[in-house]
Amino acid sequence: MAIDLAFIPCKTESGTAEIRTRALKLESRLRLLLIQIDGRKRIADLLAIVGDSTNDTVIEDLRKLRELGLIGWDDSLASQRKSSATQ
């Protein structure tokens, strides 16, 4: 399934704890991406910030962080923003 670049990921409580504790010993690339996620930046913004990786790599990293329960995003909010923008 394709990820909507308008989604705004945010850290979960587990994600915030991981930043503090480093318990999962994430690869540096994943940790840096997790740090950038602040609940305000869209996925498109994160792709622009993480310029040293391909978009596919960043998308896979986001999926991995989500699978680990470190981030989440509300698909319905992104859909609402899109429909509001087209009106």
Foldseek 3Di string as FASTA:
>chain_A
DDDDQQWQKAFDPVLVVCLVPVVVVDDPVLSVLSVVRHRPHGNVRSCVVPVVDHSVVSVVSVVVCVVVVGMDTDPVVSVVVVVVVVD
